[in-house]
Amino acid sequence: MPIERNELRRVMGHYATGVTVITTLSKEGKLHGLTANAVSSLSLDPPLLLICVDKKAESYACFEESGVFTVNILADDQEDISRRFAVSGGEKFEGVAYRRGANGAPILHGVLAHLECKVHAAFDGGDHTIYIGLIEEAETREAKPLLFFRGGYRAIGD
């Protein structure tokens, strides 16, 4: 018998993760984004990563429509950005500094790193879809990461 969902959430909360905002766009060009920590490096050759997107997410259809996304890895001073993109509805990009990447998806200003991807494959993952992204562009900067652990935001100490 599988584990109950709240118990799974509690147990997995003990796994510290980075925090990202995954951005994409609709076929009409409207910008979309969501906060996620279900992100992982997958392959060096070819350069692949995976993300998991909730099928109920407002931006869900955009991943198929555009075929592109950018993973913005948040710095420790970007908790407010994470919270903004974690809720449904509203104009998430209003007042948020960003630039368009080569793939058209937004790169948020001040992130620790970003990875621009083209959807390489998609797989059913229960209430999520697992997207494999072919990494086409990436960039980093010096900063500390924003972390999520046991239901709260954390930062690495000095």
N, C-alpha and C. Protein backbone atom coordinates (compact mmCIF):
# COMPACT_ATOMS: atom_id res chain seq x y z
N MET A 1 0.85 -1.18 0.00
CA MET A 1 0.00 0.00 0.00
C MET A 1 0.89 1.24 0.00
N PRO A 2 0.62 2.20 -0.91
CA PRO A 2 1.47 3.40 -0.98
C PRO A 2 1.32 4.30 0.25
N ILE A 3 2.34 5.06 0.49
CA ILE A 3 2.36 6.02 1.59
C ILE A 3 1.30 7.10 1.37
N GLU A 4 0.72 7.60 2.43
CA GLU A 4 -0.30 8.66 2.36
C GLU A 4 0.37 9.98 1.97
N ARG A 5 -0.33 10.81 1.18
CA ARG A 5 0.28 12.01 0.59
C ARG A 5 0.82 12.99 1.63
N ASN A 6 0.15 13.20 2.75
CA ASN A 6 0.66 14.13 3.77
C ASN A 6 1.91 13.59 4.44
N GLU A 7 1.97 12.27 4.62
CA GLU A 7 3.18 11.67 5.19
C GLU A 7 4.34 11.78 4.20
N LEU A 8 4.05 11.57 2.92
CA LEU A 8 5.09 11.74 1.90
C LEU A 8 5.61 13.17 1.89
N ARG A 9 4.70 14.13 1.97
CA ARG A 9 5.11 15.54 2.01
C ARG A 9 6.00 15.82 3.22
N ARG A 10 5.61 15.27 4.38
CA ARG A 10 6.39 15.48 5.61
C ARG A 10 7.78 14.88 5.48
N VAL A 11 7.86 13.64 5.00
CA VAL A 11 9.15 12.97 4.88
C VAL A 11 10.03 13.67 3.85
N MET A 12 9.49 13.98 2.68
CA MET A 12 10.28 14.64 1.65
C MET A 12 10.69 16.06 2.05
N GLY A 13 9.97 16.65 2.99
CA GLY A 13 10.35 17.96 3.51
C GLY A 13 11.70 17.94 4.21
N HIS A 14 12.18 16.77 4.57
CA HIS A 14 13.49 16.63 5.19
C HIS A 14 14.63 16.62 4.17
N TYR A 15 14.26 16.69 2.90
CA TYR A 15 15.26 16.76 1.84
C TYR A 15 15.41 18.22 1.43
N ALA A 16 16.51 18.83 1.78
CA ALA A 16 16.74 20.24 1.44
C ALA A 16 16.92 20.39 -0.06
N THR A 17 16.22 21.36 -0.63
CA THR A 17 16.32 21.59 -2.07
C THR A 17 16.59 23.06 -2.35
N GLY A 18 17.08 23.31 -3.54
CA GLY A 18 17.15 24.67 -4.02
C GLY A 18 15.75 25.12 -4.42
N VAL A 19 15.61 26.39 -4.65
CA VAL A 19 14.31 26.95 -5.05
C VAL A 19 14.49 27.60 -6.42
N THR A 20 13.56 27.31 -7.32
CA THR A 20 13.63 27.86 -8.66
C THR A 20 12.31 28.49 -9.05
N VAL A 21 12.37 29.37 -10.00
CA VAL A 21 11.19 29.83 -10.72
C VAL A 21 11.40 29.38 -12.16
N ILE A 22 10.46 28.58 -12.63
CA ILE A 22 10.53 28.09 -14.01
C ILE A 22 9.63 28.98 -14.85
N THR A 23 10.20 29.58 -15.86
CA THR A 23 9.45 30.50 -16.72
C THR A 23 9.25 29.91 -18.10
N THR A 24 8.15 30.31 -18.71
CA THR A 24 7.82 29.88 -20.06
C THR A 24 6.88 30.92 -20.66
N LEU A 25 6.27 30.63 -21.77
CA LEU A 25 5.34 31.57 -22.38
C LEU A 25 4.26 30.81 -23.12
N SER A 26 3.11 31.45 -23.28
CA SER A 26 2.00 30.85 -24.01
C SER A 26 2.24 30.99 -25.51
N LYS A 27 1.41 30.34 -26.29
CA LYS A 27 1.56 30.46 -27.75
C LYS A 27 1.30 31.88 -28.22
N GLU A 28 0.56 32.68 -27.42
CA GLU A 28 0.34 34.09 -27.75
C GLU A 28 1.48 34.99 -27.28
N GLY A 29 2.45 34.40 -26.54
CA GLY A 29 3.59 35.17 -26.07
C GLY A 29 3.45 35.71 -24.66
N LYS A 30 2.34 35.40 -23.96
CA LYS A 30 2.16 35.86 -22.57
C LYS A 30 3.13 35.10 -21.67
N LEU A 31 3.77 35.82 -20.77
CA LEU A 31 4.77 35.24 -19.88
C LEU A 31 4.10 34.50 -18.74
N HIS A 32 4.69 33.36 -18.38
CA HIS A 32 4.20 32.54 -17.27
C HIS A 32 5.38 32.06 -16.45
N GLY A 33 5.11 31.76 -15.18
CA GLY A 33 6.15 31.22 -14.34
C GLY A 33 5.56 30.58 -13.09
N LEU A 34 6.33 29.67 -12.51
CA LEU A 34 5.90 28.99 -11.29
C LEU A 34 7.12 28.65 -10.45
N THR A 35 6.92 28.63 -9.15
CA THR A 35 7.98 28.23 -8.23
C THR A 35 8.03 26.71 -8.17
N ALA A 36 9.23 26.15 -8.19
CA ALA A 36 9.37 24.69 -8.15
C ALA A 36 10.69 24.30 -7.51
N ASN A 37 10.66 23.17 -6.82
CA ASN A 37 11.92 22.60 -6.34
C ASN A 37 12.13 21.20 -6.90
N ALA A 38 11.21 20.74 -7.76
CA ALA A 38 11.35 19.44 -8.41
C ALA A 38 12.14 19.64 -9.71
N VAL A 39 13.44 19.84 -9.54
CA VAL A 39 14.37 20.11 -10.64
C VAL A 39 15.61 19.26 -10.40
N SER A 40 16.14 18.68 -11.46
CA SER A 40 17.34 17.86 -11.29
C SER A 40 18.17 17.83 -12.56
N SER A 41 19.48 17.82 -12.39
CA SER A 41 20.37 17.56 -13.51
C SER A 41 20.15 16.12 -13.93
N LEU A 42 20.20 15.86 -15.22
CA LEU A 42 19.92 14.51 -15.71
C LEU A 42 21.10 13.92 -16.48
N SER A 43 21.69 14.69 -17.39
CA SER A 43 22.74 14.15 -18.25
C SER A 43 23.70 15.26 -18.65
N LEU A 44 24.98 14.90 -18.74
CA LEU A 44 25.98 15.85 -19.22
C LEU A 44 26.12 15.80 -20.74
N ASP A 45 25.87 14.61 -21.32
CA ASP A 45 26.02 14.45 -22.77
C ASP A 45 24.90 13.57 -23.30
N PRO A 46 23.86 14.14 -23.84
CA PRO A 46 23.65 15.56 -24.07
C PRO A 46 23.29 16.27 -22.77
N PRO A 47 23.40 17.61 -22.73
CA PRO A 47 23.09 18.36 -21.50
C PRO A 47 21.58 18.40 -21.26
N LEU A 48 21.11 17.62 -20.28
CA LEU A 48 19.69 17.53 -19.99
C LEU A 48 19.42 17.78 -18.52
N LEU A 49 18.25 18.34 -18.25
CA LEU A 49 17.75 18.43 -16.88
C LEU A 49 16.29 18.03 -16.91
N LEU A 50 15.73 17.80 -15.72
CA LEU A 50 14.31 17.49 -15.66
C LEU A 50 13.62 18.41 -14.68
N ILE A 51 12.38 18.70 -14.99
CA ILE A 51 11.51 19.47 -14.11
C ILE A 51 10.20 18.71 -14.01
N CYS A 52 9.49 18.92 -12.92
CA CYS A 52 8.18 18.31 -12.74
C CYS A 52 7.17 19.43 -12.55
N VAL A 53 6.14 19.44 -13.40
CA VAL A 53 5.15 20.51 -13.39
C VAL A 53 3.78 19.93 -13.04
N ASP A 54 3.16 20.52 -12.02
CA ASP A 54 1.82 20.11 -11.58
C ASP A 54 0.83 20.32 -12.72
N LYS A 55 0.04 19.31 -13.00
CA LYS A 55 -0.94 19.39 -14.08
C LYS A 55 -2.02 20.43 -13.81
N LYS A 56 -2.16 20.85 -12.55
CA LYS A 56 -3.15 21.88 -12.21
C LYS A 56 -2.57 23.30 -12.26
N ALA A 57 -1.28 23.41 -12.54
CA ALA A 57 -0.64 24.72 -12.59
C ALA A 57 -1.25 25.57 -13.70
N GLU A 58 -1.44 26.84 -13.41
CA GLU A 58 -1.98 27.79 -14.39
C GLU A 58 -1.18 27.80 -15.69
N SER A 59 0.12 27.63 -15.58
CA SER A 59 1.01 27.69 -16.74
C SER A 59 1.22 26.34 -17.42
N TYR A 60 0.58 25.30 -16.94
CA TYR A 60 0.84 23.93 -17.40
C TYR A 60 0.82 23.80 -18.93
N ALA A 61 -0.22 24.30 -19.58
CA ALA A 61 -0.36 24.15 -21.03
C ALA A 61 0.76 24.84 -21.81
N CYS A 62 1.35 25.86 -21.22
CA CYS A 62 2.38 26.64 -21.92
C CYS A 62 3.64 25.84 -22.23
N PHE A 63 3.94 24.85 -21.41
CA PHE A 63 5.15 24.05 -21.64
C PHE A 63 5.04 23.28 -22.95
N GLU A 64 3.86 22.74 -23.22
CA GLU A 64 3.62 22.04 -24.48
C GLU A 64 3.51 23.04 -25.64
N GLU A 65 2.80 24.14 -25.39
CA GLU A 65 2.56 25.14 -26.45
C GLU A 65 3.86 25.74 -26.97
N SER A 66 4.70 26.19 -26.05
CA SER A 66 5.92 26.89 -26.47
C SER A 66 7.07 25.95 -26.74
N GLY A 67 7.11 24.84 -26.00
CA GLY A 67 8.22 23.91 -26.15
C GLY A 67 9.52 24.39 -25.54
N VAL A 68 9.44 25.45 -24.71
CA VAL A 68 10.65 26.01 -24.08
C VAL A 68 10.36 26.38 -22.63
N PHE A 69 11.43 26.43 -21.84
CA PHE A 69 11.33 26.93 -20.47
C PHE A 69 12.71 27.33 -20.00
N THR A 70 12.74 28.17 -18.97
CA THR A 70 14.00 28.57 -18.34
C THR A 70 13.89 28.30 -16.85
N VAL A 71 14.89 27.64 -16.30
CA VAL A 71 14.98 27.40 -14.87
C VAL A 71 15.82 28.52 -14.28
N ASN A 72 15.19 29.34 -13.41
CA ASN A 72 15.87 30.43 -12.71
C ASN A 72 16.15 29.95 -11.29
N ILE A 73 17.42 29.73 -10.95
CA ILE A 73 17.79 29.27 -9.61
C ILE A 73 17.92 30.49 -8.72
N LEU A 74 17.08 30.56 -7.68
CA LEU A 74 16.99 31.76 -6.86
C LEU A 74 18.13 31.90 -5.86
N ALA A 75 18.54 33.14 -5.65
CA ALA A 75 19.53 33.51 -4.64
C ALA A 75 18.82 33.70 -3.31
N ASP A 76 19.60 33.72 -2.23
CA ASP A 76 19.01 33.75 -0.89
C ASP A 76 18.24 35.04 -0.56
N ASP A 77 18.36 36.06 -1.37
CA ASP A 77 17.61 37.29 -1.14
C ASP A 77 16.35 37.37 -2.02
N GLN A 78 15.93 36.23 -2.59
CA GLN A 78 14.80 36.24 -3.51
C GLN A 78 13.59 35.44 -3.01
N GLU A 79 13.45 35.33 -1.71
CA GLU A 79 12.29 34.63 -1.15
C GLU A 79 10.99 35.26 -1.62
N ASP A 80 10.95 36.60 -1.70
CA ASP A 80 9.73 37.28 -2.16
C ASP A 80 9.35 36.87 -3.58
N ILE A 81 10.34 36.66 -4.43
CA ILE A 81 10.09 36.21 -5.81
C ILE A 81 9.50 34.79 -5.77
N SER A 82 10.08 33.93 -4.96
CA SER A 82 9.58 32.56 -4.84
C SER A 82 8.12 32.57 -4.40
N ARG A 83 7.80 33.36 -3.40
CA ARG A 83 6.42 33.42 -2.89
C ARG A 83 5.47 33.97 -3.96
N ARG A 84 5.90 34.96 -4.70
CA ARG A 84 5.06 35.57 -5.75
C ARG A 84 4.68 34.53 -6.81
N PHE A 85 5.66 33.73 -7.24
CA PHE A 85 5.41 32.76 -8.31
C PHE A 85 4.82 31.44 -7.79
N ALA A 86 4.70 31.30 -6.47
CA ALA A 86 4.14 30.08 -5.88
C ALA A 86 2.61 30.09 -5.84
N VAL A 87 2.00 31.23 -6.09
CA VAL A 87 0.53 31.31 -6.03
C VAL A 87 -0.05 31.41 -7.44
N SER A 88 -1.29 30.95 -7.56
CA SER A 88 -1.98 31.03 -8.85
C SER A 88 -2.56 32.42 -9.05
N GLY A 89 -2.64 32.81 -10.30
CA GLY A 89 -3.29 34.07 -10.66
C GLY A 89 -2.40 35.28 -10.46
N GLY A 90 -2.93 36.40 -10.88
CA GLY A 90 -2.22 37.67 -10.74
C GLY A 90 -1.19 37.88 -11.83
N GLU A 91 -0.69 39.08 -11.87
CA GLU A 91 0.35 39.46 -12.82
C GLU A 91 1.70 39.23 -12.15
N LYS A 92 2.20 38.04 -12.25
CA LYS A 92 3.42 37.65 -11.54
C LYS A 92 4.65 38.45 -11.94
N PHE A 93 4.69 38.91 -13.19
CA PHE A 93 5.88 39.62 -13.67
C PHE A 93 5.82 41.13 -13.42
N GLU A 94 4.68 41.63 -12.96
CA GLU A 94 4.54 43.06 -12.70
C GLU A 94 5.50 43.48 -11.59
N GLY A 95 6.40 44.41 -11.91
CA GLY A 95 7.37 44.90 -10.94
C GLY A 95 8.57 44.00 -10.75
N VAL A 96 8.67 42.92 -11.50
CA VAL A 96 9.80 42.00 -11.41
C VAL A 96 10.74 42.26 -12.59
N ALA A 97 12.01 42.50 -12.29
CA ALA A 97 12.99 42.75 -13.35
C ALA A 97 13.36 41.43 -14.03
N TYR A 98 13.34 41.45 -15.35
CA TYR A 98 13.71 40.27 -16.12
C TYR A 98 14.14 40.72 -17.52
N ARG A 99 14.72 39.77 -18.22
CA ARG A 99 15.01 39.96 -19.65
C ARG A 99 14.61 38.68 -20.35
N ARG A 100 14.34 38.79 -21.62
CA ARG A 100 14.00 37.60 -22.40
C ARG A 100 15.28 36.87 -22.79
N GLY A 101 15.27 35.56 -22.61
CA GLY A 101 16.40 34.75 -23.02
C GLY A 101 16.33 34.43 -24.50
N ALA A 102 17.31 33.72 -24.99
CA ALA A 102 17.35 33.33 -26.40
C ALA A 102 16.14 32.49 -26.79
N ASN A 103 15.58 31.73 -25.83
CA ASN A 103 14.42 30.90 -26.11
C ASN A 103 13.10 31.66 -25.95
N GLY A 104 13.17 32.92 -25.53
CA GLY A 104 11.97 33.74 -25.35
C GLY A 104 11.42 33.75 -23.95
N ALA A 105 11.79 32.78 -23.12
CA ALA A 105 11.30 32.72 -21.74
C ALA A 105 12.09 33.71 -20.87
N PRO A 106 11.44 34.27 -19.84
CA PRO A 106 12.10 35.25 -18.99
C PRO A 106 13.24 34.70 -18.14
N ILE A 107 14.30 35.49 -18.04
CA ILE A 107 15.39 35.26 -17.11
C ILE A 107 15.25 36.34 -16.05
N LEU A 108 15.01 35.94 -14.82
CA LEU A 108 14.79 36.89 -13.74
C LEU A 108 16.10 37.54 -13.31
N HIS A 109 16.03 38.84 -13.04
CA HIS A 109 17.20 39.60 -12.61
C HIS A 109 17.65 39.13 -11.22
N GLY A 110 18.95 38.98 -11.04
CA GLY A 110 19.52 38.68 -9.74
C GLY A 110 19.55 37.22 -9.35
N VAL A 111 19.16 36.31 -10.26
CA VAL A 111 19.18 34.90 -9.91
C VAL A 111 20.61 34.38 -9.79
N LEU A 112 20.76 33.32 -9.05
CA LEU A 112 22.05 32.68 -8.85
C LEU A 112 22.54 32.05 -10.16
N ALA A 113 21.60 31.48 -10.91
CA ALA A 113 21.92 30.86 -12.19
C ALA A 113 20.63 30.71 -12.99
N HIS A 114 20.78 30.54 -14.29
CA HIS A 114 19.63 30.20 -15.12
C HIS A 114 20.06 29.22 -16.19
N LEU A 115 19.09 28.40 -16.62
CA LEU A 115 19.32 27.41 -17.66
C LEU A 115 18.17 27.50 -18.65
N GLU A 116 18.48 27.83 -19.89
CA GLU A 116 17.46 27.95 -20.94
C GLU A 116 17.35 26.61 -21.65
N CYS A 117 16.12 26.12 -21.75
CA CYS A 117 15.89 24.77 -22.26
C CYS A 117 14.84 24.71 -23.35
N LYS A 118 14.99 23.69 -24.17
CA LYS A 118 13.98 23.31 -25.15
C LYS A 118 13.43 21.97 -24.67
N VAL A 119 12.10 21.80 -24.70
CA VAL A 119 11.51 20.54 -24.27
C VAL A 119 12.01 19.43 -25.18
N HIS A 120 12.65 18.45 -24.57
CA HIS A 120 13.23 17.31 -25.29
C HIS A 120 12.28 16.11 -25.25
N ALA A 121 11.58 15.93 -24.10
CA ALA A 121 10.64 14.82 -23.92
C ALA A 121 9.74 15.15 -22.74
N ALA A 122 8.61 14.46 -22.68
CA ALA A 122 7.67 14.63 -21.57
C ALA A 122 7.11 13.26 -21.20
N PHE A 123 6.92 13.06 -19.89
CA PHE A 123 6.42 11.79 -19.38
C PHE A 123 5.39 12.04 -18.30
N ASP A 124 4.39 11.17 -18.24
CA ASP A 124 3.40 11.26 -17.18
C ASP A 124 4.05 10.90 -15.86
N GLY A 125 3.75 11.69 -14.84
CA GLY A 125 4.27 11.45 -13.50
C GLY A 125 3.17 11.63 -12.48
N GLY A 126 2.04 10.93 -12.62
CA GLY A 126 0.93 11.07 -11.68
C GLY A 126 0.27 12.41 -11.84
N ASP A 127 0.26 13.21 -10.77
CA ASP A 127 -0.37 14.54 -10.85
C ASP A 127 0.56 15.59 -11.44
N HIS A 128 1.74 15.17 -11.89
CA HIS A 128 2.71 16.05 -12.53
C HIS A 128 3.09 15.49 -13.90
N THR A 129 3.67 16.34 -14.74
CA THR A 129 4.33 15.89 -15.96
C THR A 129 5.82 16.14 -15.77
N ILE A 130 6.61 15.16 -16.14
CA ILE A 130 8.06 15.27 -16.06
C ILE A 130 8.55 15.74 -17.43
N TYR A 131 9.13 16.93 -17.47
CA TYR A 131 9.67 17.47 -18.71
C TYR A 131 11.19 17.33 -18.69
N ILE A 132 11.72 16.77 -19.74
CA ILE A 132 13.17 16.70 -19.92
C ILE A 132 13.53 17.88 -20.82
N GLY A 133 14.44 18.71 -20.35
CA GLY A 133 14.86 19.87 -21.12
C GLY A 133 16.27 19.72 -21.65
N LEU A 134 16.44 20.03 -22.92
CA LEU A 134 17.78 20.10 -23.52
C LEU A 134 18.31 21.50 -23.22
N ILE A 135 19.39 21.60 -22.48
CA ILE A 135 19.94 22.88 -22.05
C ILE A 135 20.69 23.52 -23.21
N GLU A 136 20.23 24.70 -23.62
CA GLU A 136 20.84 25.38 -24.75
C GLU A 136 21.72 26.56 -24.34
N GLU A 137 21.40 27.19 -23.23
CA GLU A 137 22.17 28.33 -22.71
C GLU A 137 22.14 28.23 -21.19
N ALA A 138 23.19 28.71 -20.52
CA ALA A 138 23.22 28.74 -19.06
C ALA A 138 24.20 29.81 -18.60
N GLU A 139 23.96 30.32 -17.41
CA GLU A 139 24.83 31.36 -16.85
C GLU A 139 24.71 31.33 -15.33
N THR A 140 25.81 31.68 -14.65
CA THR A 140 25.81 31.74 -13.19
C THR A 140 26.38 33.07 -12.73
N ARG A 141 26.18 33.36 -11.45
CA ARG A 141 26.83 34.50 -10.80
C ARG A 141 27.14 34.11 -9.37
N GLU A 142 27.98 34.87 -8.72
CA GLU A 142 28.35 34.58 -7.34
C GLU A 142 27.25 35.09 -6.40
N ALA A 143 26.69 34.19 -5.64
CA ALA A 143 25.68 34.50 -4.63
C ALA A 143 25.43 33.23 -3.85
N LYS A 144 24.64 33.34 -2.79
CA LYS A 144 24.24 32.17 -2.01
C LYS A 144 22.85 31.73 -2.45
N PRO A 145 22.57 30.42 -2.41
CA PRO A 145 21.28 29.92 -2.86
C PRO A 145 20.18 30.07 -1.82
N LEU A 146 18.95 30.18 -2.31
CA LEU A 146 17.77 30.08 -1.46
C LEU A 146 17.44 28.60 -1.36
N LEU A 147 17.21 28.12 -0.14
CA LEU A 147 16.91 26.71 0.08
C LEU A 147 15.53 26.56 0.69
N PHE A 148 14.96 25.35 0.54
CA PHE A 148 13.68 25.01 1.17
C PHE A 148 13.89 23.72 1.95
N PHE A 149 13.52 23.75 3.24
CA PHE A 149 13.74 22.61 4.12
C PHE A 149 12.68 22.59 5.20
N ARG A 150 12.02 21.45 5.36
CA ARG A 150 11.00 21.24 6.39
C ARG A 150 9.96 22.35 6.42
N GLY A 151 9.48 22.69 5.23
CA GLY A 151 8.37 23.62 5.12
C GLY A 151 8.74 25.09 5.18
N GLY A 152 10.03 25.43 5.19
CA GLY A 152 10.42 26.82 5.27
C GLY A 152 11.62 27.16 4.42
N TYR A 153 11.78 28.45 4.16
CA TYR A 153 12.93 28.93 3.39
C TYR A 153 14.14 29.00 4.32
N ARG A 154 15.29 28.69 3.77
CA ARG A 154 16.55 28.71 4.51
C ARG A 154 17.63 29.33 3.64
N ALA A 155 18.72 29.69 4.27
CA ALA A 155 19.90 30.19 3.55
C ALA A 155 21.11 29.53 4.15
N ILE A 156 22.16 29.41 3.37
CA ILE A 156 23.41 28.86 3.84
C ILE A 156 24.12 29.93 4.66
N GLY A 157 24.61 29.56 5.83
CA GLY A 157 25.37 30.50 6.66
C GLY A 157 26.77 30.68 6.11
N ASP A 158 27.45 31.67 6.64
CA ASP A 158 28.84 31.91 6.18
C ASP A 158 29.78 30.84 6.64
